[in-house]
Amino acid sequence: MTHHPPRANAMLDWLKKLTPRRTPAPADAPPDLKAVFRLALAHYPAHVPPHRGLGGHITPEQAQHNLDWFRRSVPERLHALRALAADTGLALPADLQRPVASLDEAKELVARLIAWTRACWPDRPYRPEHLSDSHWAMSARTGDDAIFSVVLDVATLLGQVAMTGRSEWRWGLDMARASRGRSPCSRRGAWCCSRRRSASSAHPA
């Protein structure tokens, strides 16, 4: 089975789904996690490759440069994600390079990530331009677009989860025409960071 890479907003929806509005919290209630998340997001480090653009709009050399940058940045990106999660009520595994040791642990981690997104992430709508692939590809991923950096880091974490159980997988370039080519992904059969270079999906070779 092939799972095609979703658009940025589609991935947000997949991770969090909308929850019903809640009644106002009493004065002694815990802090509003959405408000805490919004404040933390203002200082979240941007996830931006050296060469921006949709996969088919950059050269193979630029794509390789982006991949090299991505591989080097994985520890830093996962560290930023762990700090954000800790500030907003989610404890992530200590070793995010190998975050799980079993399928049950993987399922439990994904369930906690979904609960975290429901509790903390902003509700739709974001901004109209967030529906545009070209905006996503060229975004500086700061300000109102900072959530994209978090999405990319969650996608990277999920890629690490997948590779923990599949030692033959590695981060590489997805050159498939159907993916618009030149996107970092985990090969062999493959966890693509994006058809645009960023969002994630499983892509069997």
C-alpha atoms as a PDB file:
ATOM      1  CA  MET A   1       0.000   0.000   0.000  1.00  0.00           C
ATOM      2  CA  THR A   2       1.221   3.514  -0.807  1.00  0.00           C
ATOM      3  CA  HIS A   3       0.332   6.487   1.366  1.00  0.00           C
ATOM      4  CA  HIS A   4       0.796   9.669  -0.625  1.00  0.00           C
ATOM      5  CA  PRO A   5       2.230  12.753   1.091  1.00  0.00           C
ATOM      6  CA  PRO A   6      -0.562  15.020   2.351  1.00  0.00           C
ATOM      7  CA  ARG A   7      -0.580  18.766   2.037  1.00  0.00           C
ATOM      8  CA  ALA A   8       0.560  20.721   5.057  1.00  0.00           C
ATOM      9  CA  ASN A   9      -2.947  21.365   6.368  1.00  0.00           C
ATOM     10  CA  ALA A  10      -3.986  17.789   5.664  1.00  0.00           C
ATOM     11  CA  MET A  11      -1.162  16.539   7.852  1.00  0.00           C
ATOM     12  CA  LEU A  12      -2.222  18.881  10.641  1.00  0.00           C
ATOM     13  CA  ASP A  13      -5.737  17.491  10.387  1.00  0.00           C
ATOM     14  CA  TRP A  14      -4.467  13.915  10.325  1.00  0.00           C
ATOM     15  CA  LEU A  15      -2.497  14.460  13.527  1.00  0.00           C
ATOM     16  CA  LYS A  16      -5.003  16.439  15.501  1.00  0.00           C
ATOM     17  CA  LYS A  17      -8.582  16.432  14.159  1.00  0.00           C
ATOM     18  CA  LEU A  18     -10.908  19.096  15.459  1.00  0.00           C
ATOM     19  CA  THR A  19     -12.305  18.796  18.956  1.00  0.00           C
ATOM     20  CA  PRO A  20     -15.530  20.377  20.282  1.00  0.00           C
ATOM     21  CA  ARG A  21     -15.370  23.804  21.878  1.00  0.00           C
ATOM     22  CA  ARG A  22     -15.097  23.686  25.644  1.00  0.00           C
ATOM     23  CA  THR A  23     -16.757  25.834  28.276  1.00  0.00           C
ATOM     24  CA  PRO A  24     -14.575  28.502  29.945  1.00  0.00           C
ATOM     25  CA  ALA A  25     -12.190  27.046  32.514  1.00  0.00           C
ATOM     26  CA  PRO A  26     -12.561  28.001  36.197  1.00  0.00           C
ATOM     27  CA  ALA A  27     -10.092  30.439  37.708  1.00  0.00           C
ATOM     28  CA  ASP A  28      -8.101  27.668  39.394  1.00  0.00           C
ATOM     29  CA  ALA A  29      -7.797  25.564  36.235  1.00  0.00           C
ATOM     30  CA  PRO A  30      -4.354  24.658  34.790  1.00  0.00           C
ATOM     31  CA  PRO A  31      -2.881  27.047  32.203  1.00  0.00           C
ATOM     32  CA  ASP A  32      -4.545  27.106  28.782  1.00  0.00           C
ATOM     33  CA  LEU A  33      -2.231  24.817  26.808  1.00  0.00           C
ATOM     34  CA  LYS A  34      -3.160  26.412  23.492  1.00  0.00           C
ATOM     35  CA  ALA A  35      -2.104  29.805  24.867  1.00  0.00           C
ATOM     36  CA  VAL A  36       1.138  28.351  26.267  1.00  0.00           C
ATOM     37  CA  PHE A  37       1.815  26.656  22.926  1.00  0.00           C
ATOM     38  CA  ARG A  38       1.151  29.880  21.017  1.00  0.00           C
ATOM     39  CA  LEU A  39       3.663  31.767  23.169  1.00  0.00           C
ATOM     40  CA  ALA A  40       6.273  29.012  22.833  1.00  0.00           C
ATOM     41  CA  LEU A  41       5.737  28.910  19.071  1.00  0.00           C
ATOM     42  CA  ALA A  42       6.874  32.521  18.785  1.00  0.00           C
ATOM     43  CA  HIS A  43      10.400  31.401  19.737  1.00  0.00           C
ATOM     44  CA  TYR A  44      10.460  28.069  17.909  1.00  0.00           C
ATOM     45  CA  PRO A  45      13.471  27.707  15.564  1.00  0.00           C
ATOM     46  CA  ALA A  46      12.486  27.770  11.905  1.00  0.00           C
ATOM     47  CA  HIS A  47      12.824  24.595   9.844  1.00  0.00           C
ATOM     48  CA  VAL A  48      13.963  25.966   6.472  1.00  0.00           C
ATOM     49  CA  PRO A  49      16.244  24.156   3.985  1.00  0.00           C
ATOM     50  CA  PRO A  50      19.051  26.007   2.190  1.00  0.00           C
ATOM     51  CA  HIS A  51      17.134  25.863  -1.108  1.00  0.00           C
ATOM     52  CA  ARG A  52      13.409  26.539  -0.962  1.00  0.00           C
ATOM     53  CA  GLY A  53      10.869  25.516  -3.555  1.00  0.00           C
ATOM     54  CA  LEU A  54       8.784  22.619  -4.766  1.00  0.00           C
ATOM     55  CA  GLY A  55      10.763  19.485  -5.535  1.00  0.00           C
ATOM     56  CA  GLY A  56      10.593  19.895  -9.317  1.00  0.00           C
ATOM     57  CA  HIS A  57      11.774  23.509  -9.098  1.00  0.00           C
ATOM     58  CA  ILE A  58      15.242  22.894  -7.692  1.00  0.00           C
ATOM     59  CA  THR A  59      18.246  21.151  -9.206  1.00  0.00           C
ATOM     60  CA  PRO A  60      19.531  17.702  -8.149  1.00  0.00           C
ATOM     61  CA  GLU A  61      22.573  19.432  -6.661  1.00  0.00           C
ATOM     62  CA  GLN A  62      20.356  21.726  -4.596  1.00  0.00           C
ATOM     63  CA  ALA A  63      18.282  18.734  -3.519  1.00  0.00           C
ATOM     64  CA  GLN A  64      21.426  16.936  -2.331  1.00  0.00           C
ATOM     65  CA  HIS A  65      22.485  20.069  -0.455  1.00  0.00           C
ATOM     66  CA  ASN A  66      19.076  20.135   1.223  1.00  0.00           C
ATOM     67  CA  LEU A  67      19.385  16.454   2.139  1.00  0.00           C
ATOM     68  CA  ASP A  68      22.856  16.956   3.635  1.00  0.00           C
ATOM     69  CA  TRP A  69      21.490  19.875   5.653  1.00  0.00           C
ATOM     70  CA  PHE A  70      18.497  17.825   6.764  1.00  0.00           C
ATOM     71  CA  ARG A  71      20.636  14.904   7.967  1.00  0.00           C
ATOM     72  CA  ARG A  72      22.864  17.243   9.965  1.00  0.00           C
ATOM     73  CA  SER A  73      19.893  19.066  11.449  1.00  0.00           C
ATOM     74  CA  VAL A  74      17.922  16.032  12.694  1.00  0.00           C
ATOM     75  CA  PRO A  75      19.362  16.033  16.271  1.00  0.00           C
ATOM     76  CA  GLU A  76      18.867  19.803  16.585  1.00  0.00           C
ATOM     77  CA  ARG A  77      15.327  19.645  15.221  1.00  0.00           C
ATOM     78  CA  LEU A  78      14.326  16.803  17.538  1.00  0.00           C
ATOM     79  CA  HIS A  79      15.842  18.668  20.500  1.00  0.00           C
ATOM     80  CA  ALA A  80      13.690  21.702  19.659  1.00  0.00           C
ATOM     81  CA  LEU A  81      10.598  19.519  19.397  1.00  0.00           C
ATOM     82  CA  ARG A  82      11.287  17.861  22.749  1.00  0.00           C
ATOM     83  CA  ALA A  83      11.682  21.268  24.427  1.00  0.00           C
ATOM     84  CA  LEU A  84       8.424  22.560  22.942  1.00  0.00           C
ATOM     85  CA  ALA A  85       6.591  19.388  23.938  1.00  0.00           C
ATOM     86  CA  ALA A  86       7.953  19.558  27.489  1.00  0.00           C
ATOM     87  CA  ASP A  87       6.832  23.186  27.832  1.00  0.00           C
ATOM     88  CA  THR A  88       3.308  22.229  26.738  1.00  0.00           C
ATOM     89  CA  GLY A  89       2.692  19.046  28.698  1.00  0.00           C
ATOM     90  CA  LEU A  90       4.190  16.210  26.610  1.00  0.00           C
ATOM     91  CA  ALA A  91       7.227  14.195  27.707  1.00  0.00           C
ATOM     92  CA  LEU A  92       9.009  12.686  24.707  1.00  0.00           C
ATOM     93  CA  PRO A  93      11.527   9.808  24.888  1.00  0.00           C
ATOM     94  CA  ALA A  94      15.051  10.733  25.950  1.00  0.00           C
ATOM     95  CA  ASP A  95      16.608   9.327  22.766  1.00  0.00           C
ATOM     96  CA  LEU A  96      14.651  10.686  19.803  1.00  0.00           C
ATOM     97  CA  GLN A  97      17.133   9.161  17.352  1.00  0.00           C
ATOM     98  CA  ARG A  98      15.709   5.774  18.432  1.00  0.00           C
ATOM     99  CA  PRO A  99      12.495   6.784  20.184  1.00  0.00           C
ATOM    100  CA  VAL A 100      10.802   3.379  20.560  1.00  0.00           C
ATOM    101  CA  ALA A 101      11.802  -0.232  21.152  1.00  0.00           C
ATOM    102  CA  SER A 102       8.638  -2.007  20.020  1.00  0.00           C
ATOM    103  CA  LEU A 103       5.481  -1.630  17.956  1.00  0.00           C
ATOM    104  CA  ASP A 104       3.468  -1.134  21.151  1.00  0.00           C
ATOM    105  CA  GLU A 105       5.758   1.728  22.184  1.00  0.00           C
ATOM    106  CA  ALA A 106       5.386   3.248  18.717  1.00  0.00           C
ATOM    107  CA  LYS A 107       1.584   3.105  18.951  1.00  0.00           C
ATOM    108  CA  GLU A 108       1.667   4.628  22.423  1.00  0.00           C
ATOM    109  CA  LEU A 109       3.931   7.480  21.278  1.00  0.00           C
ATOM    110  CA  VAL A 110       1.709   8.266  18.281  1.00  0.00           C
ATOM    111  CA  ALA A 111      -1.372   8.251  20.550  1.00  0.00           C
ATOM    112  CA  ARG A 112       0.302  10.724  22.898  1.00  0.00           C
ATOM    113  CA  LEU A 113       1.349  12.948  19.973  1.00  0.00           C
ATOM    114  CA  ILE A 114      -2.251  13.031  18.733  1.00  0.00           C
ATOM    115  CA  ALA A 115      -3.527  13.904  22.220  1.00  0.00           C
ATOM    116  CA  TRP A 116      -0.923  16.682  22.417  1.00  0.00           C
ATOM    117  CA  THR A 117      -1.925  18.200  19.087  1.00  0.00           C
ATOM    118  CA  ARG A 118      -5.578  18.164  20.125  1.00  0.00           C
ATOM    119  CA  ALA A 119      -4.783  19.888  23.404  1.00  0.00           C
ATOM    120  CA  CYS A 120      -2.239  22.424  22.156  1.00  0.00           C
ATOM    121  CA  TRP A 121      -2.172  23.077  18.440  1.00  0.00           C
ATOM    122  CA  PRO A 122      -4.144  25.974  16.912  1.00  0.00           C
ATOM    123  CA  ASP A 123      -7.541  25.262  15.401  1.00  0.00           C
ATOM    124  CA  ARG A 124      -8.375  25.925  11.775  1.00  0.00           C
ATOM    125  CA  PRO A 125      -8.460  28.187   9.905  1.00  0.00           C
ATOM    126  CA  TYR A 126      -4.848  29.278   9.889  1.00  0.00           C
ATOM    127  CA  ARG A 127      -4.440  31.674   6.960  1.00  0.00           C
ATOM    128  CA  PRO A 128      -5.848  31.308   3.424  1.00  0.00           C
ATOM    129  CA  GLU A 129      -2.372  31.140   1.879  1.00  0.00           C
ATOM    130  CA  HIS A 130      -1.606  28.071   3.997  1.00  0.00           C
ATOM    131  CA  LEU A 131      -3.610  26.056   1.483  1.00  0.00           C
ATOM    132  CA  SER A 132      -1.051  26.864  -1.221  1.00  0.00           C
ATOM    133  CA  ASP A 133       1.753  24.409  -1.971  1.00  0.00           C
ATOM    134  CA  SER A 134       3.965  27.219  -3.247  1.00  0.00           C
ATOM    135  CA  HIS A 135       3.464  29.189  -0.005  1.00  0.00           C
ATOM    136  CA  TRP A 136       4.395  26.110   2.012  1.00  0.00           C
ATOM    137  CA  ALA A 137       7.507  25.518  -0.091  1.00  0.00           C
ATOM    138  CA  MET A 138       8.745  29.127   0.055  1.00  0.00           C
ATOM    139  CA  SER A 139       7.670  29.979   3.606  1.00  0.00           C
ATOM    140  CA  ALA A 140      10.199  31.213   6.171  1.00  0.00           C
ATOM    141  CA  ARG A 141       8.170  29.132   8.681  1.00  0.00           C
ATOM    142  CA  THR A 142       8.155  31.810  11.352  1.00  0.00           C
ATOM    143  CA  GLY A 143       5.343  33.963  12.721  1.00  0.00           C
ATOM    144  CA  ASP A 144       1.984  32.567  11.630  1.00  0.00           C
ATOM    145  CA  ASP A 145       3.860  29.917   9.626  1.00  0.00           C
ATOM    146  CA  ALA A 146       5.872  28.644  12.607  1.00  0.00           C
ATOM    147  CA  ILE A 147       3.443  25.755  13.011  1.00  0.00           C
ATOM    148  CA  PHE A 148       4.880  24.369   9.748  1.00  0.00           C
ATOM    149  CA  SER A 149       8.262  23.984  11.459  1.00  0.00           C
ATOM    150  CA  VAL A 150       6.618  21.959  14.222  1.00  0.00           C
ATOM    151  CA  VAL A 151       4.780  19.806  11.654  1.00  0.00           C
ATOM    152  CA  LEU A 152       8.074  19.063   9.909  1.00  0.00           C
ATOM    153  CA  ASP A 153       9.753  18.125  13.173  1.00  0.00           C
ATOM    154  CA  VAL A 154       6.877  15.822  14.135  1.00  0.00           C
ATOM    155  CA  ALA A 155       7.188  14.244  10.671  1.00  0.00           C
ATOM    156  CA  THR A 156      10.915  13.759  11.276  1.00  0.00           C
ATOM    157  CA  LEU A 157      10.195  12.123  14.631  1.00  0.00           C
ATOM    158  CA  LEU A 158       7.701   9.765  12.976  1.00  0.00           C
ATOM    159  CA  GLY A 159      10.342   8.945  10.383  1.00  0.00           C
ATOM    160  CA  GLN A 160      12.763   8.059  13.182  1.00  0.00           C
ATOM    161  CA  VAL A 161      10.057   5.860  14.722  1.00  0.00           C
ATOM    162  CA  ALA A 162       9.591   4.032  11.421  1.00  0.00           C
ATOM    163  CA  MET A 163      13.330   3.533  10.925  1.00  0.00           C
ATOM    164  CA  THR A 164      13.737   2.145  14.434  1.00  0.00           C
ATOM    165  CA  GLY A 165      11.852  -0.944  13.324  1.00  0.00           C
ATOM    166  CA  ARG A 166      13.325  -1.103   9.808  1.00  0.00           C
ATOM    167  CA  SER A 167      17.122  -1.056   9.900  1.00  0.00           C
ATOM    168  CA  GLU A 168      17.337  -1.084   6.079  1.00  0.00           C
ATOM    169  CA  TRP A 169      15.667   2.338   5.876  1.00  0.00           C
ATOM    170  CA  ARG A 170      17.715   5.520   5.704  1.00  0.00           C
ATOM    171  CA  TRP A 171      17.256   9.183   4.903  1.00  0.00           C
ATOM    172  CA  GLY A 172      17.800   9.745   1.179  1.00  0.00           C
ATOM    173  CA  LEU A 173      16.330  11.508  -1.868  1.00  0.00           C
ATOM    174  CA  ASP A 174      12.939  10.644  -3.310  1.00  0.00           C
ATOM    175  CA  MET A 175      13.438  11.063  -7.059  1.00  0.00           C
ATOM    176  CA  ALA A 176      10.092   9.530  -8.086  1.00  0.00           C
ATOM    177  CA  ARG A 177       8.215  11.557 -10.702  1.00  0.00           C
ATOM    178  CA  ALA A 178       4.994  11.046  -8.744  1.00  0.00           C
ATOM    179  CA  SER A 179       6.606  12.854  -5.793  1.00  0.00           C
ATOM    180  CA  ARG A 180       7.830  15.719  -7.979  1.00  0.00           C
ATOM    181  CA  GLY A 181      11.303  14.415  -7.193  1.00  0.00           C
ATOM    182  CA  ARG A 182      14.272  15.578  -5.159  1.00  0.00           C
ATOM    183  CA  SER A 183      12.742  15.327  -1.701  1.00  0.00           C
ATOM    184  CA  PRO A 184      14.546  14.061   1.405  1.00  0.00           C
ATOM    185  CA  CYS A 185      13.093  10.739   2.485  1.00  0.00           C
ATOM    186  CA  SER A 186      14.016   7.571   4.274  1.00  0.00           C
ATOM    187  CA  ARG A 187      14.791   4.903   1.683  1.00  0.00           C
ATOM    188  CA  ARG A 188      14.254   1.924   1.115  1.00  0.00           C
ATOM    189  CA  GLY A 189      10.677   1.953   1.030  1.00  0.00           C
ATOM    190  CA  ALA A 190      10.495   4.959   2.185  1.00  0.00           C
ATOM    191  CA  TRP A 191       9.533   7.616   4.665  1.00  0.00           C
ATOM    192  CA  CYS A 192       9.400  10.759   2.549  1.00  0.00           C
ATOM    193  CA  CYS A 193       9.899  14.051   4.303  1.00  0.00           C
ATOM    194  CA  SER A 194       7.801  15.557   1.567  1.00  0.00           C
ATOM    195  CA  ARG A 195       6.882  15.666  -2.051  1.00  0.00           C
ATOM    196  CA  ARG A 196       7.650  19.353  -1.547  1.00  0.00           C
ATOM    197  CA  ARG A 197      10.641  18.602   0.648  1.00  0.00           C
ATOM    198  CA  SER A 198       8.972  18.581   3.989  1.00  0.00           C
ATOM    199  CA  ALA A 199       5.732  16.848   5.049  1.00  0.00           C
ATOM    200  CA  SER A 200       5.855  13.122   5.639  1.00  0.00           C
ATOM    201  CA  SER A 201       4.471   9.938   4.184  1.00  0.00           C
ATOM    202  CA  ALA A 202       5.328   6.302   3.851  1.00  0.00           C
ATOM    203  CA  HIS A 203       6.261   5.336   0.301  1.00  0.00           C
ATOM    204  CA  PRO A 204       7.111   1.642  -0.333  1.00  0.00           C
ATOM    205  CA  ALA A 205       9.782   1.170  -3.002  1.00  0.00           C
END
